Amino acid sequence: MNVNIQTVHFSADKKLLDFINQKVQKLSIFSDRIVRINVFLKLDNVIHVVKDKVAEISVHVPRQSFFVKSTSKSFEQSFDEAIDSLLGQMKKNKEKKAA
């Protein structure tokens, strides 16, 4: 599983990167075929005033991709909301394939 974390217009500190890596490792529970995970962290600017933090996650497995995007006042909260949504998508997909 290849994890790629990209930040747009800022540099993430080690604490945030460790937080993201720890959460991303839990995705392997729902699919052992994950090839690549891309995480994008962005600042949503409105007329030069920082408004919100955006987290986007895309997960690539053979013949399928999952994508989620979440926005909130902190990167941790945005990432948590996005990963929860992603887990829901992956669980639903796993149940559909099992049926």
C-alpha atoms as a PDB file:
ATOM      1  CA  MET A   1       0.000   0.000   0.000  1.00  0.00           C
ATOM      2  CA  ASN A   2       1.530   3.264  -1.185  1.00  0.00           C
ATOM      3  CA  VAL A   3       0.452   6.370   0.796  1.00  0.00           C
ATOM      4  CA  ASN A   4       1.014   9.792  -0.754  1.00  0.00           C
ATOM      5  CA  ILE A   5       0.250  12.923   1.297  1.00  0.00           C
ATOM      6  CA  GLN A   6       0.283  16.271  -0.506  1.00  0.00           C
ATOM      7  CA  THR A   7      -0.222  19.679   1.027  1.00  0.00           C
ATOM      8  CA  VAL A   8      -1.246  22.672  -1.069  1.00  0.00           C
ATOM      9  CA  HIS A   9       0.042  26.156  -0.120  1.00  0.00           C
ATOM     10  CA  PHE A  10       1.398  25.141   3.306  1.00  0.00           C
ATOM     11  CA  SER A  11       3.727  22.658   5.034  1.00  0.00           C
ATOM     12  CA  ALA A  12       2.207  20.060   7.334  1.00  0.00           C
ATOM     13  CA  ASP A  13       3.906  19.377  10.651  1.00  0.00           C
ATOM     14  CA  LYS A  14       5.035  15.902  11.706  1.00  0.00           C
ATOM     15  CA  LYS A  15       2.162  15.546  14.180  1.00  0.00           C
ATOM     16  CA  LEU A  16      -0.445  15.984  11.418  1.00  0.00           C
ATOM     17  CA  LEU A  17       1.379  13.589   9.058  1.00  0.00           C
ATOM     18  CA  ASP A  18       1.641  10.936  11.804  1.00  0.00           C
ATOM     19  CA  PHE A  19      -2.070  11.376  12.582  1.00  0.00           C
ATOM     20  CA  ILE A  20      -2.967  10.820   8.919  1.00  0.00           C
ATOM     21  CA  ASN A  21      -0.672   7.813   8.488  1.00  0.00           C
ATOM     22  CA  GLN A  22      -2.083   6.175  11.622  1.00  0.00           C
ATOM     23  CA  LYS A  23      -5.678   6.569  10.389  1.00  0.00           C
ATOM     24  CA  VAL A  24      -4.876   5.452   6.841  1.00  0.00           C
ATOM     25  CA  GLN A  25      -3.367   2.170   8.042  1.00  0.00           C
ATOM     26  CA  LYS A  26      -6.822   1.170   9.362  1.00  0.00           C
ATOM     27  CA  LEU A  27      -8.148   1.078   5.779  1.00  0.00           C
ATOM     28  CA  SER A  28      -6.288  -2.183   5.164  1.00  0.00           C
ATOM     29  CA  ILE A  29      -8.852  -3.903   7.429  1.00  0.00           C
ATOM     30  CA  PHE A  30     -11.531  -3.367   4.782  1.00  0.00           C
ATOM     31  CA  SER A  31      -9.451  -4.199   1.735  1.00  0.00           C
ATOM     32  CA  ASP A  32      -6.120  -5.971   1.535  1.00  0.00           C
ATOM     33  CA  ARG A  33      -5.903  -5.091  -2.158  1.00  0.00           C
ATOM     34  CA  ILE A  34      -5.329  -1.330  -1.752  1.00  0.00           C
ATOM     35  CA  VAL A  35      -2.708  -0.213  -4.248  1.00  0.00           C
ATOM     36  CA  ARG A  36      -2.452   3.512  -3.557  1.00  0.00           C
ATOM     37  CA  ILE A  37      -3.901   6.131  -1.217  1.00  0.00           C
ATOM     38  CA  ASN A  38      -3.640   9.831  -2.066  1.00  0.00           C
ATOM     39  CA  VAL A  39      -4.364  12.443   0.594  1.00  0.00           C
ATOM     40  CA  PHE A  40      -4.628  16.116  -0.340  1.00  0.00           C
ATOM     41  CA  LEU A  41      -4.736  18.805   2.334  1.00  0.00           C
ATOM     42  CA  LYS A  42      -5.724  22.275   1.162  1.00  0.00           C
ATOM     43  CA  LEU A  43      -6.532  25.674   2.578  1.00  0.00           C
ATOM     44  CA  ASP A  44      -9.830  27.009   1.258  1.00  0.00           C
ATOM     45  CA  ASN A  45      -9.195  30.744   0.873  1.00  0.00           C
ATOM     46  CA  VAL A  46     -11.838  33.408   0.448  1.00  0.00           C
ATOM     47  CA  ILE A  47     -10.364  36.796  -0.534  1.00  0.00           C
ATOM     48  CA  HIS A  48      -7.032  36.157   1.222  1.00  0.00           C
ATOM     49  CA  VAL A  49      -8.681  35.114   4.489  1.00  0.00           C
ATOM     50  CA  VAL A  50      -8.199  31.486   5.484  1.00  0.00           C
ATOM     51  CA  LYS A  51     -11.665  30.050   5.848  1.00  0.00           C
ATOM     52  CA  ASP A  52     -11.631  26.267   6.003  1.00  0.00           C
ATOM     53  CA  LYS A  53      -9.333  23.263   5.848  1.00  0.00           C
ATOM     54  CA  VAL A  54     -10.091  20.715   3.132  1.00  0.00           C
ATOM     55  CA  ALA A  55      -9.115  17.040   3.191  1.00  0.00           C
ATOM     56  CA  GLU A  56      -9.486  14.870   0.091  1.00  0.00           C
ATOM     57  CA  ILE A  57      -8.752  11.145   0.082  1.00  0.00           C
ATOM     58  CA  SER A  58      -8.645   8.861  -2.925  1.00  0.00           C
ATOM     59  CA  VAL A  59      -8.126   5.114  -2.570  1.00  0.00           C
ATOM     60  CA  HIS A  60      -7.239   2.933  -5.541  1.00  0.00           C
ATOM     61  CA  VAL A  61      -7.859  -0.805  -5.582  1.00  0.00           C
ATOM     62  CA  PRO A  62      -7.780  -2.981  -8.709  1.00  0.00           C
ATOM     63  CA  ARG A  63     -10.733  -2.084 -10.965  1.00  0.00           C
ATOM     64  CA  GLN A  64     -12.124   0.458  -8.491  1.00  0.00           C
ATOM     65  CA  SER A  65     -11.496   3.819  -6.856  1.00  0.00           C
ATOM     66  CA  PHE A  66     -13.019   5.604  -3.877  1.00  0.00           C
ATOM     67  CA  PHE A  67     -12.962   9.371  -3.347  1.00  0.00           C
ATOM     68  CA  VAL A  68     -14.120  11.591  -0.481  1.00  0.00           C
ATOM     69  CA  LYS A  69     -13.776  15.260   0.350  1.00  0.00           C
ATOM     70  CA  SER A  70     -14.493  17.017   3.638  1.00  0.00           C
ATOM     71  CA  THR A  71     -14.207  20.600   4.860  1.00  0.00           C
ATOM     72  CA  SER A  72     -14.071  21.946   8.422  1.00  0.00           C
ATOM     73  CA  LYS A  73     -12.162  24.348  10.664  1.00  0.00           C
ATOM     74  CA  SER A  74      -9.255  21.938  11.320  1.00  0.00           C
ATOM     75  CA  PHE A  75      -7.373  19.397   9.224  1.00  0.00           C
ATOM     76  CA  GLU A  76      -7.834  16.692  11.854  1.00  0.00           C
ATOM     77  CA  GLN A  77     -11.611  17.114  11.858  1.00  0.00           C
ATOM     78  CA  SER A  78     -11.776  17.285   8.058  1.00  0.00           C
ATOM     79  CA  PHE A  79      -9.661  14.152   7.747  1.00  0.00           C
ATOM     80  CA  ASP A  80     -11.717  12.275  10.373  1.00  0.00           C
ATOM     81  CA  GLU A  81     -14.966  13.104   8.568  1.00  0.00           C
ATOM     82  CA  ALA A  82     -13.465  12.094   5.226  1.00  0.00           C
ATOM     83  CA  ILE A  83     -12.050   8.798   6.518  1.00  0.00           C
ATOM     84  CA  ASP A  84     -15.397   7.931   8.163  1.00  0.00           C
ATOM     85  CA  SER A  85     -17.177   8.510   4.864  1.00  0.00           C
ATOM     86  CA  LEU A  86     -14.545   6.481   3.033  1.00  0.00           C
ATOM     87  CA  LEU A  87     -14.901   3.593   5.478  1.00  0.00           C
ATOM     88  CA  GLY A  88     -18.649   3.639   4.852  1.00  0.00           C
ATOM     89  CA  GLN A  89     -18.086   3.403   1.092  1.00  0.00           C
ATOM     90  CA  MET A  90     -15.601   0.560   1.485  1.00  0.00           C
ATOM     91  CA  LYS A  91     -17.840  -1.389   3.905  1.00  0.00           C
ATOM     92  CA  LYS A  92     -20.810  -1.017   1.557  1.00  0.00           C
ATOM     93  CA  ASN A  93     -18.693  -2.210  -1.387  1.00  0.00           C
ATOM     94  CA  LYS A  94     -17.359  -5.188   0.590  1.00  0.00           C
ATOM     95  CA  GLU A  95     -20.893  -6.206   1.635  1.00  0.00           C
ATOM     96  CA  LYS A  96     -22.133  -5.886  -1.956  1.00  0.00           C
ATOM     97  CA  LYS A  97     -19.355  -8.164  -3.226  1.00  0.00           C
ATOM     98  CA  ALA A  98     -19.995 -10.723  -0.462  1.00  0.00           C
ATOM     99  CA  ALA A  99     -23.706 -10.946  -1.307  1.00  0.00           C
END
